């Protein structure tokens, strides 16, 4: 069997395990650990994108296996933060503006400036929490890459 044919699927599986295996438990882990987990999720999503390009957006949106209690989920927006292109929790928001960012601790232009300058930024806003079914405060890590913004976050108790 051709080894090159195996590398793509094996890499994709390993990346998905890294992306969707990062868990956090709000009451048991420090903020630093949660931040590290979220950064790892975003790094994994960027790696998935590097291998599969825009096909990775469907992989993120359609794979709901990581939506067990306490697990971080990825999302992707276009580079100017006006449209969600993939979402690991709410597939119905794909193609819509990221409404949660309207109440963020920094403005969208400030986020874009930070992403342009540093490549990453942490933001705080409110969003649907899959564990509680309520709107909760969330810290999210955003990383600019190849014209997109990849993100994940954790909810604040």
Protein backbone atom coordinates (compact mmCIF):
# COMPACT_ATOMS: atom_id res chain seq x y z
CA UNK A 1 0.00 0.00 0.00
CA UNK A 2 1.22 3.51 -0.77
CA UNK A 3 2.58 5.19 2.39
CA UNK A 4 1.66 8.65 1.08
CA UNK A 5 -2.00 7.64 0.93
CA UNK A 6 -1.93 6.73 4.62
CA UNK A 7 -0.20 9.90 5.85
CA UNK A 8 -3.13 12.24 5.05
CA UNK A 9 -5.85 10.27 6.89
CA UNK A 10 -3.56 9.42 9.80
CA UNK A 11 -2.54 13.06 10.19
CA UNK A 12 -6.18 14.16 10.06
CA UNK A 13 -7.15 11.65 12.75
CA UNK A 14 -4.27 12.70 15.01
CA UNK A 15 -5.13 16.38 14.58
CA UNK A 16 -8.79 15.71 15.39
CA UNK A 17 -7.76 13.83 18.54
CA UNK A 18 -5.63 16.80 19.62
CA UNK A 19 -8.35 19.31 18.76
CA UNK A 20 -11.27 17.52 20.31
CA UNK A 21 -9.44 15.87 23.17
CA UNK A 22 -8.66 19.09 25.00
CA UNK A 23 -10.95 19.23 28.00
CA UNK A 24 -11.40 21.64 30.82
CA UNK A 25 -13.29 21.39 34.08
CA UNK A 26 -14.37 24.79 35.30
CA UNK A 27 -14.12 24.04 39.01
CA UNK A 28 -10.97 21.92 38.97
CA UNK A 29 -8.47 23.53 36.62
CA UNK A 30 -6.63 26.81 36.86
CA UNK A 31 -7.15 29.61 34.38
CA UNK A 32 -3.64 28.90 33.03
CA UNK A 33 -4.51 25.25 32.31
CA UNK A 34 -7.75 26.24 30.58
CA UNK A 35 -5.88 28.80 28.50
CA UNK A 36 -3.25 26.20 27.54
CA UNK A 37 -5.98 23.74 26.51
CA UNK A 38 -7.70 26.36 24.36
CA UNK A 39 -4.44 27.39 22.68
CA UNK A 40 -3.84 23.69 21.90
CA UNK A 41 -7.31 23.40 20.34
CA UNK A 42 -6.65 26.42 18.12
CA UNK A 43 -3.20 25.13 17.17
CA UNK A 44 -4.79 21.80 16.19
CA UNK A 45 -7.45 23.52 14.08
CA UNK A 46 -4.81 25.54 12.25
CA UNK A 47 -2.89 22.31 11.59
CA UNK A 48 -6.07 20.68 10.29
CA UNK A 49 -6.55 23.67 7.97
CA UNK A 50 -2.92 23.41 6.78
CA UNK A 51 -3.57 19.79 5.73
CA UNK A 52 -7.12 20.08 4.36
CA UNK A 53 -7.63 23.76 3.54
CA UNK A 54 -11.22 24.99 3.56
CA UNK A 55 -12.50 21.39 3.69
CA UNK A 56 -11.48 21.51 7.35
CA UNK A 57 -14.35 23.95 8.00
CA UNK A 58 -16.88 21.22 7.25
CA UNK A 59 -14.91 18.80 9.44
CA UNK A 60 -15.09 21.26 12.34
CA UNK A 61 -18.77 22.05 11.85
CA UNK A 62 -19.98 18.50 11.27
CA UNK A 63 -17.94 16.71 13.96
CA UNK A 64 -19.89 17.02 17.19
CA UNK A 65 -18.03 14.24 19.07
CA UNK A 66 -16.20 16.72 21.28
CA UNK A 67 -19.40 18.26 22.62
CA UNK A 68 -19.32 16.17 25.75
CA UNK A 69 -19.54 18.14 28.98
CA UNK A 70 -16.57 20.36 29.62
CA UNK A 71 -14.82 20.14 26.27
CA UNK A 72 -13.57 23.08 24.27
CA UNK A 73 -14.87 23.42 20.71
CA UNK A 74 -13.31 25.31 17.80
CA UNK A 75 -14.72 28.00 15.55
CA UNK A 76 -13.40 29.92 12.54
CA UNK A 77 -14.25 33.39 11.23
CA UNK A 78 -13.21 35.31 8.16
CA UNK A 79 -10.30 37.70 8.59
CA UNK A 80 -12.36 40.84 9.14
CA UNK A 81 -14.53 39.10 11.78
CA UNK A 82 -17.77 39.66 9.88
CA UNK A 83 -18.72 36.01 9.22
CA UNK A 84 -18.47 32.66 10.99
CA UNK A 85 -17.18 30.06 8.49
CA UNK A 86 -17.07 27.04 10.85
CA UNK A 87 -18.47 26.36 14.32
CA UNK A 88 -18.05 23.25 16.41
CA UNK A 89 -21.05 23.84 18.66
CA UNK A 90 -23.68 25.71 16.65
CA UNK A 91 -23.57 24.77 12.97
CA UNK A 92 -26.58 27.00 12.34
CA UNK A 93 -24.43 30.13 12.87
CA UNK A 94 -22.12 29.35 9.93
CA UNK A 95 -22.53 32.15 7.38
CA UNK A 96 -23.71 34.68 9.97
CA UNK A 97 -21.94 37.57 11.73
CA UNK A 98 -20.32 36.66 15.08
CA UNK A 99 -22.96 38.39 17.21
CA UNK A 100 -21.27 37.47 20.50
CA UNK A 101 -18.34 39.73 19.73
CA UNK A 102 -20.57 42.81 19.85
CA UNK A 103 -20.38 42.79 23.67
CA UNK A 104 -16.68 41.85 23.90
CA UNK A 105 -14.28 43.56 26.27
CA UNK A 106 -12.52 45.09 23.24
CA UNK A 107 -14.03 46.34 19.99
CA UNK A 108 -13.83 44.42 16.72
CA UNK A 109 -11.43 47.04 15.24
CA UNK A 110 -9.20 46.58 18.33
CA UNK A 111 -9.33 42.78 17.84
CA UNK A 112 -8.34 43.16 14.20
CA UNK A 113 -5.50 45.52 15.15
CA UNK A 114 -4.22 43.05 17.76
CA UNK A 115 -4.47 40.15 15.29
CA UNK A 116 -2.62 42.19 12.64
CA UNK A 117 0.09 43.19 15.12
CA UNK A 118 0.56 40.05 17.25
CA UNK A 119 -1.28 37.30 15.34
CA UNK A 120 -3.33 36.39 18.44
CA UNK A 121 -5.61 38.02 20.98
CA UNK A 122 -7.69 36.97 24.02
CA UNK A 123 -11.22 38.38 24.20
CA UNK A 124 -14.06 38.10 26.68
CA UNK A 125 -17.75 38.12 25.66
CA UNK A 126 -20.99 36.21 26.26
CA UNK A 127 -22.08 33.13 24.29
CA UNK A 128 -24.29 30.04 24.56
CA UNK A 129 -22.76 27.52 26.96
CA UNK A 130 -23.42 23.94 25.76
CA UNK A 131 -22.97 22.59 29.30
CA UNK A 132 -25.49 24.87 31.02
CA UNK A 133 -27.82 25.89 28.18
CA UNK A 134 -27.45 29.51 29.30
CA UNK A 135 -25.62 32.57 28.01
CA UNK A 136 -22.37 32.80 29.98
CA UNK A 137 -19.18 34.83 29.95
CA UNK A 138 -16.46 33.26 27.83
CA UNK A 139 -12.73 33.84 27.35
CA UNK A 140 -11.63 33.04 23.79
CA UNK A 141 -8.27 32.85 22.14
CA UNK A 142 -8.22 34.07 18.54
CA UNK A 143 -5.40 33.38 16.10
CA UNK A 144 -5.07 34.88 12.63
CA UNK A 145 -3.84 32.54 9.92
CA UNK A 146 -4.08 32.66 6.13
CA UNK A 147 -6.91 35.20 6.02
CA UNK A 148 -9.01 33.47 8.70
CA UNK A 149 -9.36 33.77 12.46
CA UNK A 150 -9.33 30.47 14.34
CA UNK A 151 -10.65 30.37 17.88
CA UNK A 152 -11.74 28.43 20.91
CA UNK A 153 -12.52 29.37 24.47
CA UNK A 154 -13.69 28.48 27.93
CA UNK A 155 -16.63 29.65 29.99
CA UNK A 156 -16.14 31.67 33.14
CA UNK A 157 -18.08 30.50 36.22
